[in-house]
Amino acid sequence: MALGPMDLKNFVLPTYWDAATLEKYRLADGTTYDQLVADIAGALNIVNGELLSEPLYSGLLSTTDELAIEYPVGDTNGFVSHTEYTKPDAQRGATTGHMLPLNAYDRDLGWTWDFLRKARRTQLDADIASAMKDLRNVWHRRILQRLFTSTFTAVGAAGRSMPLADAGVADPAYIPPAAPERGGTFLATHTHVLFAAGITQANLLTAVGHVWEHNVDGPFDLLISQADLAAWTNTANVTGFVPRADSLIRYGATADLATVDESYIGAVETDYGPCRMRANGRIPTGYWSVYKSYGAGDQRNPMRVRLGEYGVGATLLKAEGIREYPLEHAIMFTEFGEAINDRVGAVIFRNDGGAWADPTIS
């Protein structure tokens, strides 16, 4: 299945309409419809491509067109002592899995026959820009909502899309595979949904340890709320924080600087490895996450997005009934489903000593 940027394809205009026909239709300022269609196609190509290249989100996820994922659980008894006459018990790897949802979204551009008769290009450009912004918003918001949601999502009548390891609430059969080199075996009560009071180095170490103990090495990524940036960069709270180097500043010989790109605030040193820090305004105060990113779109990343038949991003659909003008009541359509891929590949954390509560992602 092709996962590249979607363009207008065959869904924009009725069959057998061509550029010569479109040139007969003009906006109030003289812009022809073939020019407008070409510009919309260009905007969609750009934004659809951005959805899988933006550093934060591309490093969190991979894409697929599969309906479900399967992964190992628990452990076998392994090797036993050899005897001359007794055969060892056969062993096998146990697995479990969950479904990947697929949700469709519409965005009506609201272009009526009366509006298009009098429309100026600046008005249409503003509408197109607004629609592109909404496409980014639904993609970004839904991905972060799934990451920070502690409960499963129903898929069909009996299917489930699972959260991060949640002490066996969503799936009592899920037990992470053992990692003896990092501390031993795990139980169904193992959780990656944590809460404790305060933004501190100790709490960060606890969260990073929950990823590290599953045979995962740093560097790790730390995703924080923009509202909490001052607390995270305060070395009285987070003793391991190191700011990002800036090419416009000359530093002293004794200054510790993080060699991370411009999308990061800096880094935090921990006993388990460094954490590259990003801040995001969609996340409310008091919430943060630690995860391992293997690179943009890597299949080992903690999240996975299921794509519909039209691929990444949105396409523009023609209206069911067109009175005269092309693009009357045109609708933008996108279809995708966000899910957890590795149930122990990330930790979500709430700065609260009482209990976990799912945040509202803006």
Protein backbone atom coordinates (compact mmCIF):
# COMPACT_ATOMS: atom_id res chain seq x y z
CA MET A 1 0.00 0.00 0.00
CA ALA A 2 1.41 3.43 -0.94
CA LEU A 3 1.89 5.62 2.14
CA GLY A 4 3.01 8.79 0.38
CA PRO A 5 1.19 12.12 0.38
CA MET A 6 -2.34 12.06 -0.99
CA ASP A 7 -3.38 14.57 -3.63
CA LEU A 8 -6.78 15.30 -5.14
CA LYS A 9 -6.74 12.10 -7.22
CA ASN A 10 -10.13 11.40 -8.86
CA PHE A 11 -12.30 12.58 -6.03
CA VAL A 12 -12.27 16.33 -6.59
CA LEU A 13 -14.33 16.84 -9.72
CA PRO A 14 -16.98 14.97 -11.65
CA THR A 15 -15.73 12.56 -14.29
CA TYR A 16 -14.59 14.09 -17.61
CA TRP A 17 -14.22 17.65 -16.34
CA ASP A 18 -10.95 19.09 -17.57
CA ALA A 19 -8.88 22.22 -17.17
CA ALA A 20 -10.39 23.84 -20.27
CA THR A 21 -13.85 23.52 -18.76
CA LEU A 22 -12.68 24.87 -15.42
CA GLU A 23 -11.17 27.93 -17.03
CA LYS A 24 -14.68 29.03 -17.98
CA TYR A 25 -15.49 29.48 -14.29
CA ARG A 26 -13.92 32.39 -12.55
CA LEU A 27 -14.04 33.94 -9.12
CA ALA A 28 -15.00 37.57 -8.68
CA ASP A 29 -11.31 38.56 -8.88
CA GLY A 30 -10.72 36.62 -12.11
CA THR A 31 -9.02 33.55 -10.63
CA THR A 32 -10.01 30.42 -12.59
CA TYR A 33 -11.05 27.19 -10.94
CA ASP A 34 -8.20 25.21 -12.46
CA GLN A 35 -5.79 27.54 -10.66
CA LEU A 36 -7.71 27.13 -7.41
CA VAL A 37 -7.78 23.32 -7.68
CA ALA A 38 -4.04 23.25 -8.36
CA ASP A 39 -3.37 25.40 -5.29
CA ILE A 40 -5.55 23.22 -3.06
CA ALA A 41 -3.73 20.12 -4.34
CA GLY A 42 -0.40 21.75 -3.53
CA ALA A 43 -1.52 22.68 -0.02
CA LEU A 44 -2.74 19.14 0.65
CA ASN A 45 0.51 17.66 -0.59
CA ILE A 46 2.52 19.88 1.73
CA VAL A 47 0.43 19.32 4.83
CA ASN A 48 -0.05 15.58 4.26
CA GLY A 49 3.72 15.24 3.94
CA GLU A 50 4.26 17.20 7.16
CA LEU A 51 2.13 14.76 9.16
CA LEU A 52 4.81 12.08 8.91
CA SER A 53 7.84 14.36 9.08
CA GLU A 54 7.13 16.58 12.10
CA PRO A 55 9.83 15.55 14.63
CA LEU A 56 7.67 14.91 17.71
CA TYR A 57 4.92 12.85 16.09
CA SER A 58 7.04 11.00 13.55
CA GLY A 59 9.34 9.89 16.36
CA LEU A 60 6.39 8.57 18.37
CA LEU A 61 4.77 6.38 15.75
CA SER A 62 4.87 4.18 12.69
CA THR A 63 2.10 3.58 10.16
CA THR A 64 0.34 0.45 8.95
CA ASP A 65 -2.74 -0.69 7.09
CA GLU A 66 -3.13 -3.80 9.26
CA LEU A 67 -6.20 -4.27 11.45
CA ALA A 68 -4.38 -5.64 14.51
CA ILE A 69 -0.98 -6.17 16.12
CA GLU A 70 0.37 -9.18 18.03
CA TYR A 71 3.17 -9.29 20.58
CA PRO A 72 4.80 -11.75 23.03
CA VAL A 73 3.81 -12.10 26.67
CA GLY A 74 5.38 -13.84 29.67
CA ASP A 75 8.07 -16.48 29.38
CA THR A 76 8.61 -20.18 28.97
CA ASN A 77 10.59 -22.31 31.44
CA GLY A 78 13.48 -22.48 29.00
CA PHE A 79 16.18 -25.13 29.16
CA VAL A 80 16.08 -27.99 31.69
CA SER A 81 18.80 -30.39 32.77
CA HIS A 82 19.49 -33.18 30.28
CA THR A 83 18.66 -36.76 31.23
CA GLU A 84 19.26 -39.94 29.29
CA TYR A 85 15.68 -41.23 29.10
CA THR A 86 13.37 -38.28 29.75
CA LYS A 87 12.42 -35.83 27.05
CA PRO A 88 12.05 -32.16 28.07
CA ASP A 89 8.66 -30.51 27.91
CA ALA A 90 8.08 -28.60 24.68
CA GLN A 91 8.09 -24.84 25.00
CA ARG A 92 6.48 -22.16 22.88
CA GLY A 93 6.21 -18.39 22.84
CA ALA A 94 2.87 -17.06 24.03
CA THR A 95 1.37 -13.99 22.39
CA THR A 96 -1.51 -11.62 22.77
CA GLY A 97 -2.55 -8.56 20.82
CA HIS A 98 -5.14 -5.90 20.16
CA MET A 99 -7.05 -4.17 17.40
CA LEU A 100 -6.16 -0.94 15.62
CA PRO A 101 -9.09 1.46 15.25
CA LEU A 102 -9.94 3.37 12.09
CA ASN A 103 -11.87 6.61 12.42
CA ALA A 104 -13.09 8.90 9.63
CA TYR A 105 -13.36 12.69 9.87
CA ASP A 106 -15.02 15.28 7.61
CA ARG A 107 -14.32 18.97 7.28
CA ASP A 108 -16.94 20.95 5.32
CA LEU A 109 -15.45 23.95 3.55
CA GLY A 110 -18.89 25.58 3.43
CA TRP A 111 -18.60 26.93 -0.10
CA THR A 112 -22.15 27.54 -1.32
CA TRP A 113 -23.28 28.46 -4.82
CA ASP A 114 -24.00 32.04 -3.74
CA PHE A 115 -20.62 32.37 -2.04
CA LEU A 116 -18.66 31.03 -5.02
CA ARG A 117 -20.40 33.46 -7.40
CA LYS A 118 -18.95 36.40 -5.45
CA ALA A 119 -15.91 34.87 -3.75
CA ARG A 120 -12.58 36.65 -3.73
CA ARG A 121 -9.36 34.66 -3.78
CA THR A 122 -8.30 36.03 -0.39
CA GLN A 123 -11.46 34.59 1.16
CA LEU A 124 -10.84 31.16 -0.33
CA ASP A 125 -7.18 31.24 0.68
CA ALA A 126 -8.23 31.92 4.27
CA ASP A 127 -10.65 28.97 4.15
CA ILE A 128 -7.99 26.67 2.74
CA ALA A 129 -5.45 27.72 5.37
CA SER A 130 -8.02 27.13 8.10
CA ALA A 131 -8.78 23.64 6.76
CA MET A 132 -5.07 22.78 6.63
CA LYS A 133 -4.70 23.90 10.25
CA ASP A 134 -7.65 21.72 11.25
CA LEU A 135 -6.08 18.72 9.54
CA ARG A 136 -2.88 19.16 11.55
CA ASN A 137 -4.92 19.63 14.72
CA VAL A 138 -6.96 16.45 14.44
CA TRP A 139 -3.85 14.38 13.70
CA HIS A 140 -1.75 15.85 16.53
CA ARG A 141 -4.53 15.91 19.11
CA ARG A 142 -5.70 12.36 18.51
CA ILE A 143 -2.18 10.92 18.75
CA LEU A 144 -1.49 12.64 22.08
CA GLN A 145 -4.94 11.69 23.39
CA ARG A 146 -4.21 8.02 22.76
CA LEU A 147 -0.79 8.25 24.40
CA PHE A 148 -2.17 9.79 27.59
CA THR A 149 -5.38 7.72 27.79
CA SER A 150 -5.16 4.97 30.41
CA THR A 151 -8.13 2.91 29.20
CA PHE A 152 -8.80 0.76 26.15
CA THR A 153 -10.77 1.93 23.12
CA ALA A 154 -13.55 -0.34 21.86
CA VAL A 155 -13.12 -1.55 18.28
CA GLY A 156 -16.24 -3.19 16.91
CA ALA A 157 -18.41 -5.35 19.13
CA ALA A 158 -15.68 -7.11 21.11
CA GLY A 159 -12.33 -5.76 19.95
CA ARG A 160 -10.10 -3.49 22.00
CA SER A 161 -7.28 -1.09 21.30
CA MET A 162 -5.13 -1.30 24.41
CA PRO A 163 -3.43 1.44 26.40
CA LEU A 164 0.07 1.27 27.82
CA ALA A 165 0.56 -1.45 30.44
CA ASP A 166 -2.10 -0.64 33.04
CA ALA A 167 -1.76 -3.25 35.81
CA GLY A 168 -3.90 -5.73 33.91
CA VAL A 169 -7.12 -3.72 33.87
CA ALA A 170 -7.61 -3.70 30.09
CA ASP A 171 -6.10 -7.16 29.50
CA PRO A 172 -5.39 -9.42 32.52
CA ALA A 173 -3.51 -11.82 30.23
CA TYR A 174 -0.84 -9.29 29.29
CA ILE A 175 2.47 -9.90 31.06
CA PRO A 176 5.59 -8.24 29.62
CA PRO A 177 8.40 -10.66 28.69
CA ALA A 178 11.03 -11.06 31.39
CA ALA A 179 14.29 -9.12 31.27
CA PRO A 180 16.55 -10.77 33.88
CA GLU A 181 19.51 -8.53 33.04
CA ARG A 182 17.43 -5.49 33.97
CA GLY A 183 15.73 -6.77 37.11
CA GLY A 184 13.79 -9.96 36.49
CA THR A 185 10.26 -10.96 35.61
CA PHE A 186 7.04 -8.98 35.48
CA LEU A 187 3.48 -9.65 36.54
CA ALA A 188 0.11 -8.75 35.04
CA THR A 189 0.01 -5.94 37.62
CA HIS A 190 2.92 -4.18 35.92
CA THR A 191 1.94 -0.63 34.95
CA HIS A 192 3.34 2.24 32.92
CA VAL A 193 0.62 4.64 34.08
CA LEU A 194 2.29 6.40 37.02
CA PHE A 195 1.54 9.24 39.40
CA ALA A 196 3.51 10.93 42.19
CA ALA A 197 3.76 14.43 43.61
CA GLY A 198 6.13 16.90 42.03
CA ILE A 199 8.42 17.48 39.07
CA THR A 200 11.64 16.02 40.42
CA GLN A 201 14.73 14.17 39.31
CA ALA A 202 13.64 11.18 41.42
CA ASN A 203 10.24 10.91 39.71
CA LEU A 204 11.88 11.17 36.29
CA LEU A 205 14.33 8.42 37.24
CA THR A 206 11.40 6.20 38.24
CA ALA A 207 9.68 6.75 34.89
CA VAL A 208 12.83 6.20 32.82
CA GLY A 209 13.54 3.05 34.81
CA HIS A 210 10.16 1.64 33.79
CA VAL A 211 11.23 1.81 30.13
CA TRP A 212 14.88 0.85 30.66
CA GLU A 213 14.01 -2.35 32.54
CA HIS A 214 12.47 -3.81 29.37
CA ASN A 215 15.90 -4.04 27.71
CA VAL A 216 15.61 -0.56 26.23
CA ASP A 217 18.63 1.74 26.23
CA GLY A 218 18.80 5.50 25.93
CA PRO A 219 18.67 8.11 24.72
CA PHE A 220 15.05 8.48 25.78
CA ASP A 221 12.57 11.21 24.89
CA LEU A 222 10.86 13.29 27.58
CA LEU A 223 7.64 15.04 26.52
CA ILE A 224 6.43 17.70 28.96
CA SER A 225 3.72 20.35 29.18
CA GLN A 226 4.72 23.77 27.92
CA ALA A 227 3.10 25.19 31.06
CA ASP A 228 5.63 23.30 33.23
CA LEU A 229 8.75 24.33 31.33
CA ALA A 230 10.10 26.55 34.13
CA ALA A 231 9.87 23.72 36.66
CA TRP A 232 11.62 21.23 34.36
CA THR A 233 14.51 23.59 33.58
CA ASN A 234 15.01 24.47 37.26
CA THR A 235 18.02 22.43 38.39
CA ALA A 236 16.85 22.70 42.00
CA ASN A 237 14.01 20.34 40.99
CA VAL A 238 15.55 18.45 38.07
CA THR A 239 19.23 18.26 38.92
CA GLY A 240 20.21 16.59 35.64
CA PHE A 241 18.84 19.25 33.28
CA VAL A 242 21.28 20.50 30.64
CA PRO A 243 20.22 23.29 28.23
CA ARG A 244 20.50 22.97 24.47
CA ALA A 245 23.53 24.61 22.90
CA ASP A 246 22.73 27.76 20.94
CA SER A 247 24.93 28.86 18.07
CA LEU A 248 24.30 32.53 18.90
CA ILE A 249 25.72 32.25 22.41
CA ARG A 250 29.38 31.92 23.41
CA TYR A 251 29.67 29.63 26.41
CA GLY A 252 32.38 29.26 29.02
CA ALA A 253 34.70 26.28 29.02
CA THR A 254 32.93 24.70 32.00
CA ALA A 255 29.34 24.93 30.67
CA ASP A 256 27.51 21.65 30.12
CA LEU A 257 25.39 21.75 26.95
CA ALA A 258 23.10 19.25 25.25
CA THR A 259 23.87 18.49 21.60
CA VAL A 260 20.25 18.08 20.47
CA ASP A 261 18.41 19.65 17.54
CA GLU A 262 16.20 22.74 17.62
CA SER A 263 13.01 20.78 18.35
CA TYR A 264 14.30 20.00 21.85
CA ILE A 265 14.56 22.27 24.90
CA GLY A 266 17.57 20.44 26.22
CA ALA A 267 18.34 17.13 27.90
CA VAL A 268 18.20 15.58 31.36
CA GLU A 269 20.88 13.20 32.56
CA THR A 270 19.66 10.16 34.52
CA ASP A 271 21.25 6.98 35.87
CA TYR A 272 19.62 5.04 33.02
CA GLY A 273 20.68 7.36 30.21
CA PRO A 274 19.94 10.85 28.88
CA CYS A 275 16.43 12.13 28.11
CA ARG A 276 15.94 14.62 25.28
CA MET A 277 13.28 17.10 26.39
CA ARG A 278 10.46 18.51 24.25
CA ALA A 279 7.63 20.79 25.42
CA ASN A 280 4.13 20.77 23.95
CA GLY A 281 1.29 23.19 24.64
CA ARG A 282 -1.42 20.58 24.00
CA ILE A 283 -0.47 18.72 27.17
CA PRO A 284 -1.98 20.26 30.33
CA THR A 285 0.12 21.16 33.33
CA GLY A 286 1.16 18.28 35.55
CA TYR A 287 1.43 15.61 32.82
CA TRP A 288 4.45 14.23 31.00
CA SER A 289 5.70 11.12 29.23
CA VAL A 290 8.97 9.24 28.73
CA TYR A 291 9.44 6.94 25.76
CA LYS A 292 12.02 5.44 23.46
CA SER A 293 12.01 6.75 19.88
CA TYR A 294 13.87 4.68 17.31
CA GLY A 295 13.53 7.33 14.61
CA ALA A 296 10.87 8.71 12.31
CA GLY A 297 8.34 6.05 11.35
CA ASP A 298 10.28 3.16 12.91
CA GLN A 299 8.14 0.06 13.52
CA ARG A 300 9.56 -0.22 17.07
CA ASN A 301 8.19 3.17 18.14
CA PRO A 302 5.64 3.10 20.99
CA MET A 303 2.64 4.14 18.87
CA ARG A 304 1.17 3.04 15.55
CA VAL A 305 -1.31 4.74 13.23
CA ARG A 306 -3.57 2.69 11.02
CA LEU A 307 -4.21 4.34 7.67
CA GLY A 308 -7.35 4.07 5.57
CA GLU A 309 -7.55 3.32 1.87
CA TYR A 310 -6.61 6.90 0.91
CA GLY A 311 -3.31 6.88 2.81
CA VAL A 312 -1.79 9.64 4.92
CA GLY A 313 -3.63 12.90 5.48
CA ALA A 314 -6.72 14.27 3.77
CA THR A 315 -8.29 14.33 0.35
CA LEU A 316 -10.88 16.70 -1.09
CA LEU A 317 -14.26 15.23 -2.06
CA LYS A 318 -16.73 16.79 -4.44
CA ALA A 319 -20.24 17.43 -3.19
CA GLU A 320 -23.05 15.02 -4.00
CA GLY A 321 -24.93 17.69 -5.94
CA ILE A 322 -23.32 20.61 -7.76
CA ARG A 323 -25.62 23.33 -9.02
CA GLU A 324 -23.13 25.10 -11.26
CA TYR A 325 -19.72 25.78 -9.81
CA PRO A 326 -17.01 23.22 -9.09
CA LEU A 327 -16.22 22.81 -5.37
CA GLU A 328 -19.72 23.72 -4.20
CA HIS A 329 -20.05 22.20 -0.70
CA ALA A 330 -16.67 20.48 -1.07
CA ILE A 331 -15.60 18.36 1.91
CA MET A 332 -12.14 17.40 3.15
CA PHE A 333 -11.95 13.79 4.30
CA THR A 334 -9.32 12.00 6.42
CA GLU A 335 -9.27 8.52 7.91
CA PHE A 336 -6.82 7.10 10.43
CA GLY A 337 -6.68 5.31 13.77
CA GLU A 338 -4.14 5.97 16.52
CA ALA A 339 -3.05 3.12 18.81
CA ILE A 340 -0.39 1.95 21.23
CA ASN A 341 2.16 -0.28 19.52
CA ASP A 342 4.52 -1.23 22.39
CA ARG A 343 2.67 -1.37 25.71
CA VAL A 344 5.92 -0.97 27.67
CA GLY A 345 7.62 1.38 25.22
CA ALA A 346 6.47 4.52 27.03
CA VAL A 347 5.42 5.79 30.46
CA ILE A 348 2.78 8.42 31.14
CA PHE A 349 3.06 10.35 34.40
CA ARG A 350 0.83 12.65 36.41
CA ASN A 351 2.26 15.00 39.02
CA ASP A 352 -0.25 14.04 41.66
CA GLY A 353 0.22 11.95 44.79
CA GLY A 354 -3.38 10.70 44.87
CA ALA A 355 -4.42 8.96 41.66
CA TRP A 356 -4.19 8.95 37.88
CA ALA A 357 -6.78 10.84 35.82
CA ASP A 358 -6.69 11.11 32.03
CA PRO A 359 -5.82 14.64 30.88
CA THR A 360 -7.73 16.77 28.40
CA ILE A 361 -5.52 17.26 25.34
CA SER A 362 -6.25 20.55 23.59
